[in-house]
Amino acid sequence: MRPIHWRRIRNASVPYLLVAPAFIVLCVILVYPSIYNLWLSLWDWQYINPARASFVGLRNYIDLMSDSYFWRALRFTLRFTLISVSLEFLLGLVSALILAKKSERVRRVAGSALLLPYLIAGSVAGLVWRLLWTYEYGLVNYLLSLVGVKPIQWLGNPLFANIAVIVTQVWRNSPFTTIVLLAGLVSLP
């Protein structure tokens, strides 16, 4: 029988003790609310009188699966994600490949300029782009009118609204993708 070496046990437990506070905070911020939301989803709530909540089990999920609005929203979300992530990656890769061939000084200046759209608050970017897409006085319709295209209801037509949202998203997130891919390309020998 080997004797217990308390020093070895103490040294082995130090990393776990150092990570424990972060793990506790993570559990409080992420795990508990997730489990609580899952629990709440099994109840039928009345917003006017929350005390009259009744347990319905999986009925909310069954109703959700038969709701046509849910399936339309899911299709839009999948289409939006696929298109915007693909475009962000392609634009980011092309611009990263172009910048990787430039000098260090050009990369720094271009990288700083590229990150400007990403540094703008999302709410501000949304308001600016909403003005750009406006039917009556938006810059996008003005530029299209210069080449003879009639004004388009960008935010009033579902098809054009999808395009407008995707373009705005790609404009905002492509610079980050460029910087990440550029860092990877520059670090390669």
C-alpha atoms as a PDB file:
ATOM      1  CA  MET A   1       0.000   0.000   0.000  1.00  0.00           C
ATOM      2  CA  ARG A   2       1.448   3.338  -1.063  1.00  0.00           C
ATOM      3  CA  PRO A   3       1.264   6.330   1.257  1.00  0.00           C
ATOM      4  CA  ILE A   4      -0.927   9.282   0.235  1.00  0.00           C
ATOM      5  CA  HIS A   5       1.156  12.178  -0.986  1.00  0.00           C
ATOM      6  CA  TRP A   6      -0.841  15.256  -0.049  1.00  0.00           C
ATOM      7  CA  ARG A   7       1.530  17.520  -1.926  1.00  0.00           C
ATOM      8  CA  ARG A   8       0.873  15.669  -5.188  1.00  0.00           C
ATOM      9  CA  ILE A   9      -2.893  15.807  -4.616  1.00  0.00           C
ATOM     10  CA  ARG A  10      -2.706  19.510  -3.794  1.00  0.00           C
ATOM     11  CA  ASN A  11      -0.630  20.257  -6.908  1.00  0.00           C
ATOM     12  CA  ALA A  12      -2.998  18.234  -9.106  1.00  0.00           C
ATOM     13  CA  SER A  13      -6.065  20.076  -7.775  1.00  0.00           C
ATOM     14  CA  VAL A  14      -4.714  23.618  -8.302  1.00  0.00           C
ATOM     15  CA  PRO A  15      -5.760  23.863 -11.990  1.00  0.00           C
ATOM     16  CA  TYR A  16      -9.290  22.758 -11.114  1.00  0.00           C
ATOM     17  CA  LEU A  17      -9.512  25.290  -8.313  1.00  0.00           C
ATOM     18  CA  LEU A  18      -8.378  28.041 -10.659  1.00  0.00           C
ATOM     19  CA  VAL A  19     -10.997  27.124 -13.268  1.00  0.00           C
ATOM     20  CA  ALA A  20     -13.796  26.628 -10.719  1.00  0.00           C
ATOM     21  CA  PRO A  21     -14.874  30.309 -10.430  1.00  0.00           C
ATOM     22  CA  ALA A  22     -15.197  30.662 -14.203  1.00  0.00           C
ATOM     23  CA  PHE A  23     -17.096  27.381 -14.361  1.00  0.00           C
ATOM     24  CA  ILE A  24     -19.494  28.524 -11.635  1.00  0.00           C
ATOM     25  CA  VAL A  25     -20.124  31.834 -13.423  1.00  0.00           C
ATOM     26  CA  LEU A  26     -20.682  29.956 -16.689  1.00  0.00           C
ATOM     27  CA  CYS A  27     -23.215  27.693 -15.004  1.00  0.00           C
ATOM     28  CA  VAL A  28     -25.042  30.622 -13.417  1.00  0.00           C
ATOM     29  CA  ILE A  29     -25.154  32.626 -16.658  1.00  0.00           C
ATOM     30  CA  LEU A  30     -25.744  29.863 -19.228  1.00  0.00           C
ATOM     31  CA  VAL A  31     -26.683  26.490 -17.798  1.00  0.00           C
ATOM     32  CA  TYR A  32     -29.275  27.488 -15.205  1.00  0.00           C
ATOM     33  CA  PRO A  33     -31.225  29.851 -17.518  1.00  0.00           C
ATOM     34  CA  SER A  34     -31.205  27.230 -20.281  1.00  0.00           C
ATOM     35  CA  ILE A  35     -32.620  24.558 -17.997  1.00  0.00           C
ATOM     36  CA  TYR A  36     -35.144  27.016 -16.542  1.00  0.00           C
ATOM     37  CA  ASN A  37     -36.303  28.052 -20.033  1.00  0.00           C
ATOM     38  CA  LEU A  38     -36.720  24.412 -20.981  1.00  0.00           C
ATOM     39  CA  TRP A  39     -38.853  23.937 -17.850  1.00  0.00           C
ATOM     40  CA  LEU A  40     -40.935  27.046 -18.648  1.00  0.00           C
ATOM     41  CA  SER A  41     -41.558  25.790 -22.184  1.00  0.00           C
ATOM     42  CA  LEU A  42     -43.538  22.910 -20.710  1.00  0.00           C
ATOM     43  CA  TRP A  43     -46.130  25.288 -19.232  1.00  0.00           C
ATOM     44  CA  ASP A  44     -49.031  27.279 -20.682  1.00  0.00           C
ATOM     45  CA  TRP A  45     -48.613  30.852 -19.486  1.00  0.00           C
ATOM     46  CA  GLN A  46     -51.191  33.590 -19.445  1.00  0.00           C
ATOM     47  CA  TYR A  47     -49.432  36.920 -19.633  1.00  0.00           C
ATOM     48  CA  ILE A  48     -52.237  38.770 -17.867  1.00  0.00           C
ATOM     49  CA  ASN A  49     -52.385  36.302 -14.994  1.00  0.00           C
ATOM     50  CA  PRO A  50     -49.143  34.292 -14.633  1.00  0.00           C
ATOM     51  CA  ALA A  51     -50.414  32.616 -11.461  1.00  0.00           C
ATOM     52  CA  ARG A  52     -52.853  30.605 -13.587  1.00  0.00           C
ATOM     53  CA  ALA A  53     -50.122  28.764 -15.497  1.00  0.00           C
ATOM     54  CA  SER A  54     -50.884  25.145 -16.255  1.00  0.00           C
ATOM     55  CA  PHE A  55     -48.508  22.322 -17.055  1.00  0.00           C
ATOM     56  CA  VAL A  56     -49.000  21.110 -20.641  1.00  0.00           C
ATOM     57  CA  GLY A  57     -45.931  18.942 -21.159  1.00  0.00           C
ATOM     58  CA  LEU A  58     -44.867  18.631 -24.785  1.00  0.00           C
ATOM     59  CA  ARG A  59     -48.082  20.149 -26.199  1.00  0.00           C
ATOM     60  CA  ASN A  60     -46.313  23.476 -26.906  1.00  0.00           C
ATOM     61  CA  TYR A  61     -43.749  21.631 -29.038  1.00  0.00           C
ATOM     62  CA  ILE A  62     -46.429  19.627 -30.832  1.00  0.00           C
ATOM     63  CA  ASP A  63     -48.333  22.846 -31.597  1.00  0.00           C
ATOM     64  CA  LEU A  64     -45.108  24.430 -32.822  1.00  0.00           C
ATOM     65  CA  MET A  65     -44.489  21.600 -35.285  1.00  0.00           C
ATOM     66  CA  SER A  66     -47.935  22.115 -36.820  1.00  0.00           C
ATOM     67  CA  ASP A  67     -47.589  25.918 -37.087  1.00  0.00           C
ATOM     68  CA  SER A  68     -46.964  27.149 -40.632  1.00  0.00           C
ATOM     69  CA  TYR A  69     -45.368  30.389 -39.373  1.00  0.00           C
ATOM     70  CA  PHE A  70     -42.708  28.369 -37.546  1.00  0.00           C
ATOM     71  CA  TRP A  71     -41.761  26.460 -40.682  1.00  0.00           C
ATOM     72  CA  ARG A  72     -41.620  29.664 -42.756  1.00  0.00           C
ATOM     73  CA  ALA A  73     -39.406  31.305 -40.126  1.00  0.00           C
ATOM     74  CA  LEU A  74     -37.172  28.229 -40.000  1.00  0.00           C
ATOM     75  CA  ARG A  75     -36.832  28.181 -43.806  1.00  0.00           C
ATOM     76  CA  PHE A  76     -35.953  31.882 -43.834  1.00  0.00           C
ATOM     77  CA  THR A  77     -33.417  31.434 -41.045  1.00  0.00           C
ATOM     78  CA  LEU A  78     -31.714  28.515 -42.782  1.00  0.00           C
ATOM     79  CA  ARG A  79     -31.673  30.313 -46.140  1.00  0.00           C
ATOM     80  CA  PHE A  80     -30.412  33.536 -44.535  1.00  0.00           C
ATOM     81  CA  THR A  81     -27.678  31.702 -42.639  1.00  0.00           C
ATOM     82  CA  LEU A  82     -26.518  29.660 -45.617  1.00  0.00           C
ATOM     83  CA  ILE A  83     -26.386  32.611 -48.016  1.00  0.00           C
ATOM     84  CA  SER A  84     -24.916  35.171 -45.628  1.00  0.00           C
ATOM     85  CA  VAL A  85     -22.253  32.859 -44.194  1.00  0.00           C
ATOM     86  CA  SER A  86     -21.260  31.706 -47.678  1.00  0.00           C
ATOM     87  CA  LEU A  87     -20.991  35.267 -48.976  1.00  0.00           C
ATOM     88  CA  GLU A  88     -19.130  36.451 -45.877  1.00  0.00           C
ATOM     89  CA  PHE A  89     -16.645  33.624 -46.236  1.00  0.00           C
ATOM     90  CA  LEU A  90     -16.130  34.143 -49.973  1.00  0.00           C
ATOM     91  CA  LEU A  91     -15.700  37.915 -49.676  1.00  0.00           C
ATOM     92  CA  GLY A  92     -13.486  37.486 -46.626  1.00  0.00           C
ATOM     93  CA  LEU A  93     -11.321  34.905 -48.369  1.00  0.00           C
ATOM     94  CA  VAL A  94     -10.920  36.949 -51.550  1.00  0.00           C
ATOM     95  CA  SER A  95     -10.010  40.113 -49.665  1.00  0.00           C
ATOM     96  CA  ALA A  96      -7.680  38.176 -47.338  1.00  0.00           C
ATOM     97  CA  LEU A  97      -5.895  36.620 -50.314  1.00  0.00           C
ATOM     98  CA  ILE A  98      -5.490  40.055 -51.893  1.00  0.00           C
ATOM     99  CA  LEU A  99      -4.201  41.604 -48.663  1.00  0.00           C
ATOM    100  CA  ALA A 100      -1.848  38.684 -47.942  1.00  0.00           C
ATOM    101  CA  LYS A 101       0.202  39.620 -51.008  1.00  0.00           C
ATOM    102  CA  LYS A 102       0.570  43.248 -49.888  1.00  0.00           C
ATOM    103  CA  SER A 103       3.236  44.699 -47.616  1.00  0.00           C
ATOM    104  CA  GLU A 104       2.904  44.720 -43.836  1.00  0.00           C
ATOM    105  CA  ARG A 105       2.150  48.445 -43.798  1.00  0.00           C
ATOM    106  CA  VAL A 106      -0.620  48.138 -46.387  1.00  0.00           C
ATOM    107  CA  ARG A 107      -2.110  45.209 -44.435  1.00  0.00           C
ATOM    108  CA  ARG A 108      -2.216  47.253 -41.222  1.00  0.00           C
ATOM    109  CA  VAL A 109      -3.880  50.239 -42.837  1.00  0.00           C
ATOM    110  CA  ALA A 110      -6.311  48.126 -44.865  1.00  0.00           C
ATOM    111  CA  GLY A 111      -7.081  45.923 -41.845  1.00  0.00           C
ATOM    112  CA  SER A 112      -7.920  48.973 -39.758  1.00  0.00           C
ATOM    113  CA  ALA A 113     -10.132  50.381 -42.500  1.00  0.00           C
ATOM    114  CA  LEU A 114     -11.802  47.012 -43.060  1.00  0.00           C
ATOM    115  CA  LEU A 115     -12.783  46.666 -39.425  1.00  0.00           C
ATOM    116  CA  LEU A 116     -14.732  49.941 -39.351  1.00  0.00           C
ATOM    117  CA  PRO A 117     -18.095  48.372 -40.336  1.00  0.00           C
ATOM    118  CA  TYR A 118     -17.602  45.692 -37.694  1.00  0.00           C
ATOM    119  CA  LEU A 119     -16.889  48.297 -35.006  1.00  0.00           C
ATOM    120  CA  ILE A 120     -20.162  50.137 -35.572  1.00  0.00           C
ATOM    121  CA  ALA A 121     -22.873  49.168 -33.088  1.00  0.00           C
ATOM    122  CA  GLY A 122     -25.448  46.814 -34.587  1.00  0.00           C
ATOM    123  CA  SER A 123     -28.335  49.152 -33.808  1.00  0.00           C
ATOM    124  CA  VAL A 124     -26.602  52.073 -35.512  1.00  0.00           C
ATOM    125  CA  ALA A 125     -25.715  49.984 -38.562  1.00  0.00           C
ATOM    126  CA  GLY A 126     -29.330  48.807 -38.768  1.00  0.00           C
ATOM    127  CA  LEU A 127     -30.676  52.363 -38.668  1.00  0.00           C
ATOM    128  CA  VAL A 128     -28.196  53.586 -41.292  1.00  0.00           C
ATOM    129  CA  TRP A 129     -28.986  50.719 -43.632  1.00  0.00           C
ATOM    130  CA  ARG A 130     -32.705  51.222 -43.090  1.00  0.00           C
ATOM    131  CA  LEU A 131     -32.248  54.766 -44.374  1.00  0.00           C
ATOM    132  CA  LEU A 132     -30.201  53.491 -47.308  1.00  0.00           C
ATOM    133  CA  TRP A 133     -32.964  51.041 -48.285  1.00  0.00           C
ATOM    134  CA  THR A 134     -35.825  53.558 -47.904  1.00  0.00           C
ATOM    135  CA  TYR A 135     -38.172  53.700 -50.902  1.00  0.00           C
ATOM    136  CA  GLU A 136     -38.651  57.476 -51.179  1.00  0.00           C
ATOM    137  CA  TYR A 137     -35.212  58.893 -50.396  1.00  0.00           C
ATOM    138  CA  GLY A 138     -32.839  55.957 -49.959  1.00  0.00           C
ATOM    139  CA  LEU A 139     -29.392  56.048 -51.495  1.00  0.00           C
ATOM    140  CA  VAL A 140     -29.774  52.577 -53.021  1.00  0.00           C
ATOM    141  CA  ASN A 141     -32.862  53.604 -55.027  1.00  0.00           C
ATOM    142  CA  TYR A 142     -31.177  56.870 -56.006  1.00  0.00           C
ATOM    143  CA  LEU A 143     -28.165  55.005 -57.405  1.00  0.00           C
ATOM    144  CA  LEU A 144     -30.459  52.593 -59.226  1.00  0.00           C
ATOM    145  CA  SER A 145     -32.391  55.520 -60.730  1.00  0.00           C
ATOM    146  CA  LEU A 146     -29.144  56.832 -62.211  1.00  0.00           C
ATOM    147  CA  VAL A 147     -28.977  53.717 -64.394  1.00  0.00           C
ATOM    148  CA  GLY A 148     -32.688  53.802 -65.244  1.00  0.00           C
ATOM    149  CA  VAL A 149     -34.117  51.355 -62.687  1.00  0.00           C
ATOM    150  CA  LYS A 150     -37.400  52.322 -61.027  1.00  0.00           C
ATOM    151  CA  PRO A 151     -37.414  52.625 -57.224  1.00  0.00           C
ATOM    152  CA  ILE A 152     -37.856  49.322 -55.397  1.00  0.00           C
ATOM    153  CA  GLN A 153     -39.742  48.743 -52.147  1.00  0.00           C
ATOM    154  CA  TRP A 154     -36.709  47.124 -50.517  1.00  0.00           C
ATOM    155  CA  LEU A 155     -38.242  46.741 -47.082  1.00  0.00           C
ATOM    156  CA  GLY A 156     -41.875  46.322 -48.190  1.00  0.00           C
ATOM    157  CA  ASN A 157     -41.503  43.257 -50.414  1.00  0.00           C
ATOM    158  CA  PRO A 158     -40.495  39.962 -48.712  1.00  0.00           C
ATOM    159  CA  LEU A 159     -38.081  38.963 -51.486  1.00  0.00           C
ATOM    160  CA  PHE A 160     -36.312  42.320 -51.563  1.00  0.00           C
ATOM    161  CA  ALA A 161     -36.359  42.549 -47.761  1.00  0.00           C
ATOM    162  CA  ASN A 162     -34.498  39.224 -47.609  1.00  0.00           C
ATOM    163  CA  ILE A 163     -31.912  40.571 -50.047  1.00  0.00           C
ATOM    164  CA  ALA A 164     -31.579  43.809 -48.072  1.00  0.00           C
ATOM    165  CA  VAL A 165     -31.084  41.987 -44.783  1.00  0.00           C
ATOM    166  CA  ILE A 166     -28.504  39.626 -46.284  1.00  0.00           C
ATOM    167  CA  VAL A 167     -26.558  42.486 -47.906  1.00  0.00           C
ATOM    168  CA  THR A 168     -26.535  44.396 -44.624  1.00  0.00           C
ATOM    169  CA  GLN A 169     -25.370  41.340 -42.697  1.00  0.00           C
ATOM    170  CA  VAL A 170     -22.622  40.553 -45.200  1.00  0.00           C
ATOM    171  CA  TRP A 171     -21.433  44.185 -45.167  1.00  0.00           C
ATOM    172  CA  ARG A 172     -21.207  44.131 -41.394  1.00  0.00           C
ATOM    173  CA  ASN A 173     -19.498  40.756 -40.844  1.00  0.00           C
ATOM    174  CA  SER A 174     -17.248  40.255 -43.878  1.00  0.00           C
ATOM    175  CA  PRO A 175     -14.455  42.425 -42.413  1.00  0.00           C
ATOM    176  CA  PHE A 176     -14.154  40.187 -39.377  1.00  0.00           C
ATOM    177  CA  THR A 177     -13.920  37.128 -41.598  1.00  0.00           C
ATOM    178  CA  THR A 178     -11.257  38.895 -43.658  1.00  0.00           C
ATOM    179  CA  ILE A 179      -9.156  39.684 -40.599  1.00  0.00           C
ATOM    180  CA  VAL A 180      -9.394  36.142 -39.239  1.00  0.00           C
ATOM    181  CA  LEU A 181      -8.515  34.558 -42.590  1.00  0.00           C
ATOM    182  CA  LEU A 182      -5.748  37.118 -43.187  1.00  0.00           C
ATOM    183  CA  ALA A 183      -4.196  36.265 -39.823  1.00  0.00           C
ATOM    184  CA  GLY A 184      -4.207  32.605 -40.795  1.00  0.00           C
ATOM    185  CA  LEU A 185      -2.734  33.267 -44.235  1.00  0.00           C
ATOM    186  CA  VAL A 186       0.019  35.544 -42.915  1.00  0.00           C
ATOM    187  CA  SER A 187       1.027  33.034 -40.252  1.00  0.00           C
ATOM    188  CA  LEU A 188       1.605  30.319 -42.860  1.00  0.00           C
ATOM    189  CA  PRO A 189       5.240  29.962 -43.939  1.00  0.00           C
END
